[in-house]
Protein backbone atom coordinates (compact mmCIF):
# COMPACT_ATOMS: atom_id res chain seq x y z
CA MET A 1 -8.24 -4.21 20.92
CA SER A 2 -5.99 -5.70 23.74
CA ALA A 3 -8.42 -8.38 24.48
CA ARG A 4 -8.72 -9.15 20.83
CA ARG A 5 -4.90 -9.80 20.62
CA SER A 6 -5.15 -12.97 22.63
CA LEU A 7 -7.66 -14.68 20.32
CA ALA A 8 -6.32 -17.29 18.24
CA LEU A 9 -7.07 -18.15 14.56
CA PRO A 10 -10.10 -20.29 13.97
CA ASP A 11 -9.90 -24.09 13.16
CA GLY A 12 -9.05 -24.66 9.56
CA PHE A 13 -7.44 -21.23 8.80
CA ARG A 14 -5.39 -21.67 5.89
CA ILE A 15 -2.10 -19.59 5.36
CA ALA A 16 0.66 -19.58 2.81
CA LEU A 17 4.28 -18.06 2.92
CA ASP A 18 4.34 -14.70 1.19
CA ARG A 19 6.32 -14.67 -1.85
CA GLY A 20 8.79 -12.13 -0.25
CA THR A 21 9.55 -14.27 2.65
CA SER A 22 12.97 -16.00 2.74
CA LEU A 23 13.91 -18.77 5.28
CA TRP A 24 17.56 -19.20 6.62
CA SER A 25 19.25 -21.73 8.67
CA GLY A 26 16.83 -24.52 8.11
CA GLY A 27 13.76 -22.17 8.91
CA ARG A 28 15.08 -20.89 12.28
CA VAL A 29 15.23 -17.47 10.81
CA ALA A 30 12.95 -15.59 8.40
CA THR A 31 13.31 -12.47 6.36
CA GLY A 32 10.71 -10.36 4.73
CA GLY A 33 7.36 -9.07 6.10
CA SER A 34 5.49 -5.74 6.37
CA PRO A 35 7.59 -3.71 7.02
CA TRP A 36 10.68 -5.83 6.12
CA LYS A 37 12.36 -7.45 9.18
CA VAL A 38 14.57 -10.35 10.40
CA VAL A 39 12.59 -12.68 12.64
CA ARG A 40 14.02 -15.52 14.70
CA LEU A 41 11.76 -18.78 14.98
CA GLY A 42 11.78 -21.50 17.39
CA GLU A 43 13.11 -24.89 16.91
CA ALA A 44 9.58 -26.32 17.10
CA ALA A 45 8.43 -24.19 14.12
CA ARG A 46 10.98 -25.87 11.53
CA PRO A 47 8.64 -28.85 10.52
CA HIS A 48 5.55 -26.54 10.14
CA LEU A 49 7.64 -24.09 8.10
CA ALA A 50 8.89 -26.88 6.00
CA ALA A 51 5.27 -27.98 5.29
CA LEU A 52 4.35 -24.26 4.44
CA ARG A 53 7.20 -24.16 1.90
CA ARG A 54 6.29 -27.45 0.31
CA ALA A 55 2.58 -26.33 0.06
CA GLY A 56 3.46 -23.14 -1.78
CA ALA A 57 0.54 -20.96 -2.81
CA ARG A 58 -2.29 -23.38 -1.84
CA GLY A 59 -1.26 -22.95 1.94
CA VAL A 60 -1.54 -25.18 4.91
CA ALA A 61 -4.20 -25.18 7.71
CA ASP A 62 -2.46 -26.45 10.77
CA ASP A 63 -4.59 -26.77 13.95
CA SER A 64 -1.95 -27.86 16.37
CA PRO A 65 -1.00 -25.33 19.07
CA VAL A 66 2.42 -24.72 17.55
CA GLY A 67 0.72 -24.43 14.06
CA ARG A 68 -1.68 -21.84 15.23
CA ALA A 69 0.83 -20.00 17.21
CA LEU A 70 3.18 -19.83 14.25
CA ALA A 71 0.36 -18.75 11.75
CA ARG A 72 -0.59 -16.04 14.04
CA ARG A 73 3.00 -14.77 14.29
CA LEU A 74 3.63 -15.06 10.65
CA ILE A 75 0.37 -13.30 9.64
CA ASP A 76 0.83 -10.38 11.94
CA HIS A 77 4.42 -9.94 10.71
CA GLY A 78 3.23 -9.97 6.91
CA LEU A 79 5.69 -13.19 6.61
CA ALA A 80 2.47 -15.22 5.46
CA HIS A 81 -0.95 -14.33 4.27
CA PRO A 82 -4.44 -16.09 4.67
CA VAL A 83 -5.79 -18.48 1.92
CA PRO A 84 -9.48 -18.38 2.81
CA ALA A 85 -11.90 -20.47 0.62
CA PRO A 86 -14.55 -18.27 -0.91
CA ARG A 87 -17.78 -18.37 1.09
CA PRO A 88 -21.07 -18.02 -0.66
CA GLY A 89 -23.58 -15.44 0.74
CA PRO A 90 -25.81 -13.88 1.65
CA HIS A 91 -23.46 -11.68 3.87
CA ASP A 92 -24.53 -9.22 6.66
CA VAL A 93 -23.07 -6.28 4.79
CA THR A 94 -24.42 -2.80 4.02
CA VAL A 95 -23.08 -0.81 0.91
CA VAL A 96 -22.36 2.82 1.57
CA ILE A 97 -21.92 4.84 -1.65
CA PRO A 98 -20.77 8.47 -1.36
CA ALA A 99 -21.84 10.34 -4.46
CA TYR A 100 -21.46 13.77 -5.90
CA ASP A 101 -23.24 14.28 -9.20
CA ARG A 102 -22.50 11.59 -11.97
CA ALA A 103 -25.99 9.91 -11.69
CA ASP A 104 -24.80 7.48 -14.67
CA GLU A 105 -22.02 6.16 -12.53
CA LEU A 106 -24.17 5.67 -9.55
CA GLU A 107 -26.58 3.73 -11.71
CA ARG A 108 -23.86 1.26 -12.74
CA SER A 109 -22.56 1.01 -9.23
CA LEU A 110 -26.13 0.15 -7.77
CA ALA A 111 -26.55 -2.42 -10.44
CA ALA A 112 -23.37 -4.10 -9.38
CA VAL A 113 -24.44 -4.38 -5.79
CA LYS A 114 -28.10 -5.36 -6.30
CA GLY A 115 -29.89 -7.37 -3.90
CA MET A 116 -27.81 -5.72 -1.02
CA PRO A 117 -28.97 -3.02 1.62
CA VAL A 118 -27.39 0.11 0.18
CA ILE A 119 -27.01 3.73 1.48
CA VAL A 120 -26.37 6.41 -0.92
CA VAL A 121 -24.82 9.66 0.53
CA ASP A 122 -25.35 12.58 -1.68
CA ASP A 123 -22.63 15.00 -0.73
CA GLY A 124 -24.36 18.18 -1.67
CA SER A 125 -24.72 17.83 -5.58
CA PRO A 126 -25.97 20.92 -7.14
CA ASP A 127 -28.90 19.02 -8.70
CA PRO A 128 -30.07 16.25 -6.27
CA GLY A 129 -32.78 15.01 -8.46
CA PRO A 130 -31.03 12.48 -10.81
CA LEU A 131 -29.11 10.73 -7.69
CA ARG A 132 -32.18 10.48 -5.88
CA ARG A 133 -34.05 8.96 -8.81
CA ALA A 134 -31.18 6.37 -9.34
CA ALA A 135 -31.37 5.47 -5.70
CA THR A 136 -34.87 5.01 -5.41
CA ALA A 137 -35.11 3.03 -8.65
CA HIS A 138 -32.60 0.57 -7.02
CA GLY A 139 -34.37 0.54 -3.68
CA ALA A 140 -31.44 2.20 -2.01
CA LEU A 141 -31.71 4.58 1.03
CA ILE A 142 -30.64 7.98 0.18
CA VAL A 143 -29.36 10.78 2.48
CA ARG A 144 -28.24 14.17 1.53
CA HIS A 145 -25.67 16.60 2.80
CA PRO A 146 -26.93 19.98 2.26
CA ARG A 147 -23.46 21.14 1.19
CA ASN A 148 -20.39 19.38 0.06
CA ARG A 149 -18.24 17.97 2.79
CA GLY A 150 -16.02 15.54 1.19
CA PRO A 151 -15.80 11.78 0.72
CA ALA A 152 -14.62 11.24 4.52
CA ALA A 153 -18.05 12.89 5.70
CA ALA A 154 -19.96 11.16 3.30
CA ARG A 155 -18.64 7.72 4.39
CA ASN A 156 -19.00 8.64 8.13
CA THR A 157 -22.76 9.65 7.47
CA GLY A 158 -23.44 6.23 5.80
CA LEU A 159 -21.44 4.46 8.53
CA ARG A 160 -23.79 5.86 11.33
CA LEU A 161 -26.91 4.80 9.65
CA ALA A 162 -25.70 1.05 8.85
CA GLU A 163 -27.21 -1.58 11.11
CA THR A 164 -25.08 -4.43 9.97
CA PRO A 165 -21.73 -5.63 11.51
CA PHE A 166 -19.86 -5.22 8.26
CA VAL A 167 -19.94 -1.99 5.82
CA ALA A 168 -18.55 -1.98 2.22
CA PHE A 169 -17.70 1.66 1.19
CA VAL A 170 -18.00 1.70 -2.67
CA ASP A 171 -17.17 4.95 -4.59
CA SER A 172 -19.85 5.69 -7.12
CA ASP A 173 -17.55 5.23 -9.96
CA CYS A 174 -16.78 1.68 -8.95
CA ARG A 175 -18.52 -1.64 -9.68
CA PRO A 176 -17.72 -4.72 -7.66
CA GLU A 177 -17.60 -7.95 -9.85
CA ASP A 178 -19.53 -11.07 -8.99
CA GLY A 179 -18.46 -12.97 -5.90
CA TRP A 180 -16.38 -10.21 -4.35
CA LEU A 181 -17.74 -10.54 -1.01
CA ASP A 182 -17.59 -14.29 -1.10
CA VAL A 183 -13.84 -13.65 -1.32
CA LEU A 184 -13.40 -10.86 1.12
CA MET A 185 -15.65 -11.95 4.06
CA PRO A 186 -13.69 -15.03 5.04
CA HIS A 187 -10.71 -12.72 5.89
CA PHE A 188 -12.76 -11.48 8.85
CA ASP A 189 -12.60 -15.05 10.47
CA ASP A 190 -9.26 -13.70 11.83
CA PRO A 191 -10.44 -11.50 14.76
CA ARG A 192 -7.63 -9.06 14.33
CA VAL A 193 -8.58 -8.07 10.78
CA ALA A 194 -10.52 -4.59 10.61
CA ALA A 195 -10.67 -4.01 6.77
CA VAL A 196 -10.07 -5.76 3.59
CA ALA A 197 -9.49 -4.10 0.29
CA PRO A 198 -10.10 -5.71 -3.19
CA ARG A 199 -8.17 -5.09 -6.29
CA VAL A 200 -9.46 -2.05 -8.08
CA VAL A 201 -8.93 -2.28 -11.83
CA PRO A 202 -9.73 0.30 -14.46
CA SER A 203 -12.54 -0.74 -16.77
CA PRO A 204 -11.67 -0.92 -20.53
CA GLY A 205 -11.19 2.59 -22.03
CA GLY A 206 -10.53 1.72 -25.82
CA ASP A 207 -7.16 1.80 -27.65
CA ARG A 208 -6.14 5.33 -26.55
CA LEU A 209 -2.72 5.66 -25.16
CA LEU A 210 -3.75 6.69 -21.70
CA ALA A 211 -6.37 3.87 -21.58
CA ARG A 212 -3.68 1.38 -22.42
CA TYR A 213 -1.31 2.83 -19.85
CA GLU A 214 -4.15 2.69 -17.00
CA ALA A 215 -4.76 -0.81 -17.73
CA ALA A 216 -1.10 -1.55 -16.83
CA ARG A 217 -0.66 1.08 -14.15
CA SER A 218 -3.60 2.60 -12.36
CA ALA A 219 -3.07 4.61 -9.40
CA LEU A 220 -5.93 2.49 -7.53
CA ASP A 221 -4.54 -0.87 -8.59
CA MET A 222 -2.35 -2.20 -5.83
CA GLY A 223 -1.25 -5.28 -7.74
CA ALA A 224 -1.71 -9.03 -7.91
CA ARG A 225 -0.16 -10.05 -4.64
CA PRO A 226 -2.05 -10.32 -1.42
CA ALA A 227 -0.49 -8.28 1.60
CA LEU A 228 -0.81 -6.92 4.92
CA VAL A 229 -1.13 -3.27 4.82
CA ARG A 230 1.09 -1.20 6.84
CA PRO A 231 3.24 2.01 6.91
CA GLY A 232 6.70 1.09 5.54
CA GLY A 233 5.64 -2.27 4.00
CA ARG A 234 5.26 -3.34 0.48
CA LEU A 235 1.75 -1.80 0.61
CA GLY A 236 1.67 0.99 2.88
CA PHE A 237 -2.05 1.88 2.34
CA VAL A 238 -5.08 0.79 0.30
CA PRO A 239 -7.54 3.12 -1.39
CA THR A 240 -10.95 3.34 -0.03
CA ALA A 241 -12.57 3.28 -3.55
CA THR A 242 -13.87 0.28 -2.31
CA LEU A 243 -13.10 -1.25 1.21
CA LEU A 244 -14.83 -3.82 3.50
CA VAL A 245 -14.73 -2.91 7.09
CA ARG A 246 -15.58 -4.48 10.48
CA VAL A 247 -18.00 -1.91 12.08
CA ALA A 248 -16.76 -2.83 15.69
CA ALA A 249 -13.30 -1.90 14.66
CA LEU A 250 -14.41 1.68 13.77
CA GLU A 251 -15.45 2.70 17.21
CA GLY A 252 -13.60 5.99 17.67
CA VAL A 253 -11.83 5.76 14.32
CA PRO A 254 -13.96 7.47 11.78
CA PHE A 255 -12.53 9.02 8.56
CA ASP A 256 -11.03 12.39 9.27
CA GLU A 257 -13.60 14.93 7.68
CA ARG A 258 -10.94 17.66 7.67
CA LEU A 259 -9.16 15.55 4.97
CA ARG A 260 -10.51 15.95 1.41
CA LEU A 261 -7.51 13.82 0.08
CA GLY A 262 -5.52 11.33 1.91
CA GLU A 263 -8.28 10.41 4.13
CA ASP A 264 -7.87 6.73 3.23
CA VAL A 265 -4.28 6.62 4.14
CA ASP A 266 -4.76 8.28 7.33
CA PHE A 267 -7.82 5.93 8.14
CA VAL A 268 -5.73 2.71 7.36
CA TRP A 269 -2.71 4.09 9.53
CA ARG A 270 -4.89 4.76 12.37
CA LEU A 271 -6.31 1.32 12.41
CA GLY A 272 -2.75 -0.19 12.33
CA ASP A 273 -1.78 2.00 15.14
CA LEU A 274 -4.58 0.59 17.30
CA GLY A 275 -3.29 -2.89 16.65
CA TRP A 276 -5.89 -4.03 13.95
CA ASN A 277 -4.65 -5.66 10.67
CA VAL A 278 -5.88 -4.39 7.30
CA ARG A 279 -5.45 -6.67 4.48
CA TYR A 280 -5.28 -6.62 0.59
CA GLU A 281 -6.96 -9.37 -1.30
CA PRO A 282 -6.58 -9.21 -5.07
CA ALA A 283 -8.65 -12.23 -5.93
CA ALA A 284 -11.79 -9.87 -5.40
CA ARG A 285 -11.85 -7.38 -8.09
CA VAL A 286 -13.70 -4.13 -8.65
CA ALA A 287 -13.97 -2.20 -12.00
CA HIS A 288 -13.27 1.58 -11.88
CA THR A 289 -13.81 4.19 -14.40
CA PRO A 290 -10.41 5.94 -15.04
CA ARG A 291 -9.97 9.60 -15.97
CA LEU A 292 -8.62 9.45 -19.47
CA ARG A 293 -8.49 13.10 -20.42
CA PRO A 294 -4.56 13.96 -20.24
CA VAL A 295 -5.38 17.14 -18.17
CA ASP A 296 -7.87 15.40 -15.74
CA TRP A 297 -5.38 12.55 -15.37
CA ALA A 298 -2.48 14.68 -14.51
CA ARG A 299 -4.52 17.05 -12.35
CA ARG A 300 -5.78 14.07 -10.38
CA ARG A 301 -2.18 12.78 -9.61
CA HIS A 302 -1.00 16.36 -8.58
CA GLN A 303 -4.12 16.28 -6.26
CA TYR A 304 -3.00 13.05 -4.60
CA GLY A 305 0.32 14.63 -3.88
CA THR A 306 -1.13 17.64 -2.24
CA SER A 307 -2.33 15.16 0.73
CA ALA A 308 1.20 14.73 1.76
CA ALA A 309 1.60 18.01 4.01
CA ASP A 310 -1.52 17.23 6.05
CA LEU A 311 -0.53 13.46 6.46
CA ALA A 312 2.89 14.46 7.52
CA VAL A 313 1.30 16.56 10.53
CA ARG A 314 -0.86 13.57 11.50
CA HIS A 315 1.68 10.91 11.11
CA PRO A 316 5.20 12.51 11.82
CA GLY A 317 8.02 10.57 10.00
CA ARG A 318 5.79 8.31 7.94
CA LEU A 319 6.03 10.46 4.70
CA ALA A 320 9.78 10.51 4.48
CA PRO A 321 10.38 10.03 0.57
CA ALA A 322 13.35 7.64 1.21
CA ARG A 323 14.90 5.97 4.28
CA PRO A 324 18.40 5.12 3.22
CA SER A 325 20.93 3.45 5.27
CA ALA A 326 24.11 5.59 5.69
CA TRP A 327 26.24 2.57 4.75
CA ASN A 328 24.24 2.13 1.52
CA LEU A 329 24.49 5.73 0.78
CA ALA A 330 28.19 5.56 1.01
CA VAL A 331 28.28 2.29 -1.30
CA LEU A 332 26.12 4.11 -3.84
CA ALA A 333 28.16 7.32 -3.83
CA LEU A 334 31.27 5.38 -4.57
CA LEU A 335 29.69 3.55 -7.30
CA ALA A 336 28.24 6.78 -8.70
CA ARG A 337 31.75 8.13 -8.83
CA GLY A 338 33.10 5.08 -10.66
CA ARG A 339 34.89 3.62 -7.69
CA PRO A 340 33.71 -0.07 -7.56
CA VAL A 341 36.53 -1.40 -5.46
CA PRO A 342 36.10 1.02 -2.51
CA ALA A 343 32.29 0.38 -2.94
CA ALA A 344 32.73 -3.27 -2.52
CA ALA A 345 35.08 -2.72 0.49
CA CYS A 346 32.40 -0.50 2.15
CA ALA A 347 29.64 -2.95 1.46
CA GLY A 348 31.95 -5.69 2.93
CA ILE A 349 32.63 -3.68 6.25
CA ALA A 350 28.93 -3.09 6.46
CA ALA A 351 28.13 -6.72 6.09
CA GLY A 352 30.90 -7.70 8.81
CA LEU A 353 29.47 -5.11 11.21
CA LEU A 354 25.86 -6.43 10.68
CA ALA A 355 26.93 -10.00 11.06
CA ARG A 356 28.33 -9.13 14.52
CA ARG A 357 24.86 -7.73 15.23
CA LEU A 358 23.28 -10.96 14.07
CA ALA A 359 25.57 -13.19 15.94
CA ARG A 360 22.85 -14.26 18.38
CA LEU A 361 20.68 -15.71 15.49
CA PRO A 362 21.52 -19.22 14.22
CA ALA A 363 22.67 -17.83 10.91
CA ASP A 364 25.84 -17.41 9.11
CA TRP A 365 27.58 -14.34 7.27
CA SER A 366 25.52 -15.05 4.21
CA LEU A 367 22.42 -13.65 5.80
CA ALA A 368 24.26 -10.38 6.51
CA ALA A 369 25.64 -10.22 2.84
CA ALA A 370 22.12 -10.73 1.51
CA ILE A 371 20.66 -8.03 3.72
CA VAL A 372 23.27 -5.34 2.68
CA GLY A 373 23.04 -6.39 -0.91
CA LYS A 374 19.28 -6.35 -1.10
CA GLY A 375 19.09 -3.18 1.03
CA THR A 376 21.66 -1.29 -1.35
CA VAL A 377 19.45 -2.16 -4.36
CA ALA A 378 16.30 -1.20 -2.51
CA ASP A 379 17.77 2.15 -1.39
CA ALA A 380 19.12 2.94 -4.93
CA ALA A 381 15.41 2.16 -6.28
CA ALA A 382 13.91 4.46 -3.42
CA LEU A 383 16.35 7.27 -4.16
CA GLY A 384 15.41 7.09 -7.89
CA HIS A 385 11.58 7.05 -6.92
CA ALA A 386 12.09 10.25 -4.74
CA LEU A 387 14.05 11.98 -7.65
CA ARG A 388 11.04 11.30 -10.05
CA ARG A 389 8.50 12.40 -7.41
CA GLU A 390 9.16 14.59 -4.23
CA TRP A 391 12.74 15.57 -5.60
CA TRP A 392 11.47 15.95 -9.21
CA PRO A 393 13.21 19.41 -9.99
CA ALA A 394 16.66 17.48 -9.05
CA GLY A 395 15.47 14.58 -10.99
CA LEU A 396 14.73 16.57 -14.02
CA LEU A 397 18.26 18.38 -13.88
CA ALA A 398 19.82 14.94 -13.58
CA LEU A 399 18.22 13.61 -16.80
CA ALA A 400 19.08 16.84 -18.54
CA ALA A 401 22.72 16.56 -17.20
CA SER A 402 23.35 12.78 -17.76
CA PRO A 403 25.13 13.19 -20.97
CA ARG A 404 27.79 15.26 -19.21
CA SER A 405 27.92 14.07 -15.62
CA ARG A 406 28.82 10.72 -14.20
CA LEU A 407 26.74 11.63 -11.06
CA ALA A 408 23.73 12.58 -13.03
CA ARG A 409 24.01 9.51 -14.98
CA ALA A 410 23.99 7.43 -11.98
CA ALA A 411 20.84 9.47 -10.63
CA ALA A 412 19.20 8.95 -14.18
CA LEU A 413 19.86 5.17 -14.00
CA ALA A 414 18.29 5.00 -10.46
CA MET A 415 15.15 6.83 -11.88
CA ILE A 416 14.80 4.85 -15.31
CA ALA A 417 15.93 1.28 -14.43
CA PRO A 418 13.02 0.54 -12.09
CA ILE A 419 10.70 1.63 -14.85
CA ALA A 420 12.35 -0.57 -17.45
CA LEU A 421 12.13 -3.41 -15.27
CA GLU A 422 8.41 -2.78 -14.53
CA TRP A 423 7.83 -2.61 -18.32
CA ALA A 424 9.74 -5.89 -18.89
CA ARG A 425 7.74 -7.47 -16.07
CA CYS A 426 4.29 -6.38 -16.97
CA ARG A 427 4.67 -6.04 -20.82
CA PRO A 428 1.94 -3.38 -21.20
CA ALA A 429 0.38 -2.45 -24.37
CA VAL A 430 2.39 0.60 -24.48
CA ASP A 431 5.91 0.74 -26.00
CA PRO A 432 8.72 1.20 -23.54
CA VAL A 433 9.43 4.78 -24.60
CA ARG A 434 6.16 6.13 -24.13
CA TYR A 435 5.55 4.08 -20.97
CA THR A 436 8.73 5.77 -19.43
CA VAL A 437 7.54 9.24 -20.41
CA LEU A 438 4.15 8.59 -18.93
CA ARG A 439 5.57 7.22 -15.75
CA LEU A 440 7.71 10.35 -15.45
CA VAL A 441 4.70 12.67 -16.02
CA GLU A 442 2.70 10.89 -13.67
CA ASP A 443 5.48 10.98 -10.86
CA VAL A 444 6.42 14.64 -11.47
CA ALA A 445 2.54 15.51 -11.38
CA TYR A 446 2.39 13.87 -7.94
CA GLY A 447 5.61 15.30 -6.83
CA SER A 448 4.40 18.96 -7.68
CA GLY A 449 1.52 18.32 -5.51
CA VAL A 450 3.71 17.43 -2.57
CA THR A 451 5.91 20.44 -3.23
CA ALA A 452 2.80 22.85 -3.64
CA ALA A 453 1.19 21.43 -0.37
CA SER A 454 4.59 21.57 1.48
CA ALA A 455 5.08 25.15 0.56
CA ARG A 456 1.66 26.16 1.65
CA ALA A 457 1.98 24.43 4.96
CA ARG A 458 5.50 25.71 5.33
CA THR A 459 6.75 22.27 6.14
CA ALA A 460 9.54 20.37 4.60
CA ALA A 461 8.66 17.13 6.28
CA PRO A 462 7.37 15.40 3.22
CA LEU A 463 10.47 16.29 1.18
CA LEU A 464 13.12 15.10 3.73
CA PRO A 465 14.81 11.74 3.64
CA ASP A 466 15.33 9.81 6.83
CA VAL A 467 18.82 8.43 6.78
CA ARG A 468 19.39 5.57 9.08
CA PHE A 469 22.72 6.09 10.68
CA PRO A 470 24.74 3.37 12.74
CA ASP A 471 23.45 3.23 16.26
CA ARG A 472 26.61 4.74 17.76
CA LEU A 473 26.67 7.66 15.27
CA ARG A 474 22.92 8.21 16.00
CA ARG A 475 23.47 8.39 19.67
CA TRP A 476 26.36 10.67 19.21
CA ALA A 477 24.08 13.08 17.04
CA GLN A 478 21.31 12.82 19.56
CA ARG A 479 23.63 13.93 22.52
CA LEU A 480 24.89 16.91 20.21
CA SER A 481 21.22 17.95 19.39
CA GLY A 482 20.19 17.52 23.11
């Protein structure tokens, strides 16, 4: 991959600033990205950034040397995203479909990818006949595992048999919409892109409560914004329910067959560790059959949570449920105790110290103040998220005790306020009370999976926060521990 890092973007490669990117000091400093960061930009970049800002979502293709270098840097930091024009096929892609029973779902999936080379991997179905008949009827190659080995092994088997430079992994309960590859394939014009994920949305499930909830919040739906996928970023992973990959990037990076769940997270993170970029492109859509029986729905969320312990072993430090700043914790603690003046003073001190650290940047104190303000809000939301999921027993206690305790009310607010904002932003076809209850049930189901897996593995890693202390205090603590 080291050789690939030196390759520039091709002519006419259009990019647009990400919606979460902010420019300061006339474009000499940018904040945002994946993960969030502060980036200093050269004076020569200012007119190019101004053009990007004027262009908005349609983006700019700048083939000048400075424009190309800037585009490369912005994309690799997640401060901008590609805006490639769809490219009609045919495309040199093999579809790999791992399947276990559910021949009716496989039939629908095969119909959606008709006209393409397809490899179906029967992962040890008890009755192989229906899957074999479905694959044969659609002209797909079918291979069979004599015993069930999991989706990671099934994808690896299909990958080894594929002879095209690109492979699309498509689960048997997924159905790509027309033109999906026309949208995804142009992303590979960037030589650093290893994989691109489309938006996976639930197929209509009628007027039942869970169907309406899934339409607004499916576990596989990563939203409407394109993104660079990286640990700690806005999108830390993408599901492999449907994923288009560059085969050359997967040399030595197969799916980990020891993982029955979480193999998609592990796969994406390992690609990133090797220097490859993984992108999310919501303009391409894939329909997915959701689980709408309440028990199945909750059980699946619980199962997702059980992957946390294995992932924590493979990727130390990345599964922390929250990464709050010590300064922000102090501000939030004072606010929770009803002491807004000391909280404001604490935030002001933090902003002042940060401004000193940022003194080398061409930015005034407003940048430090904005970082502290946004960071405090983000940390409050992260703590509320952890209280709903990984720390769910404490979260439920806080909800129960909120009528009697100021601290519990603050914790409950951190848990519920993001859900209320989410409902107001999305306006789902579910009333806010039932939407909130289902969100809490979903998070507790996931969190109970994390708790159970952590107990079995005898590790607390997926449950422990990673508190970011000031540099001097961190060095002092390291000396004490050493």
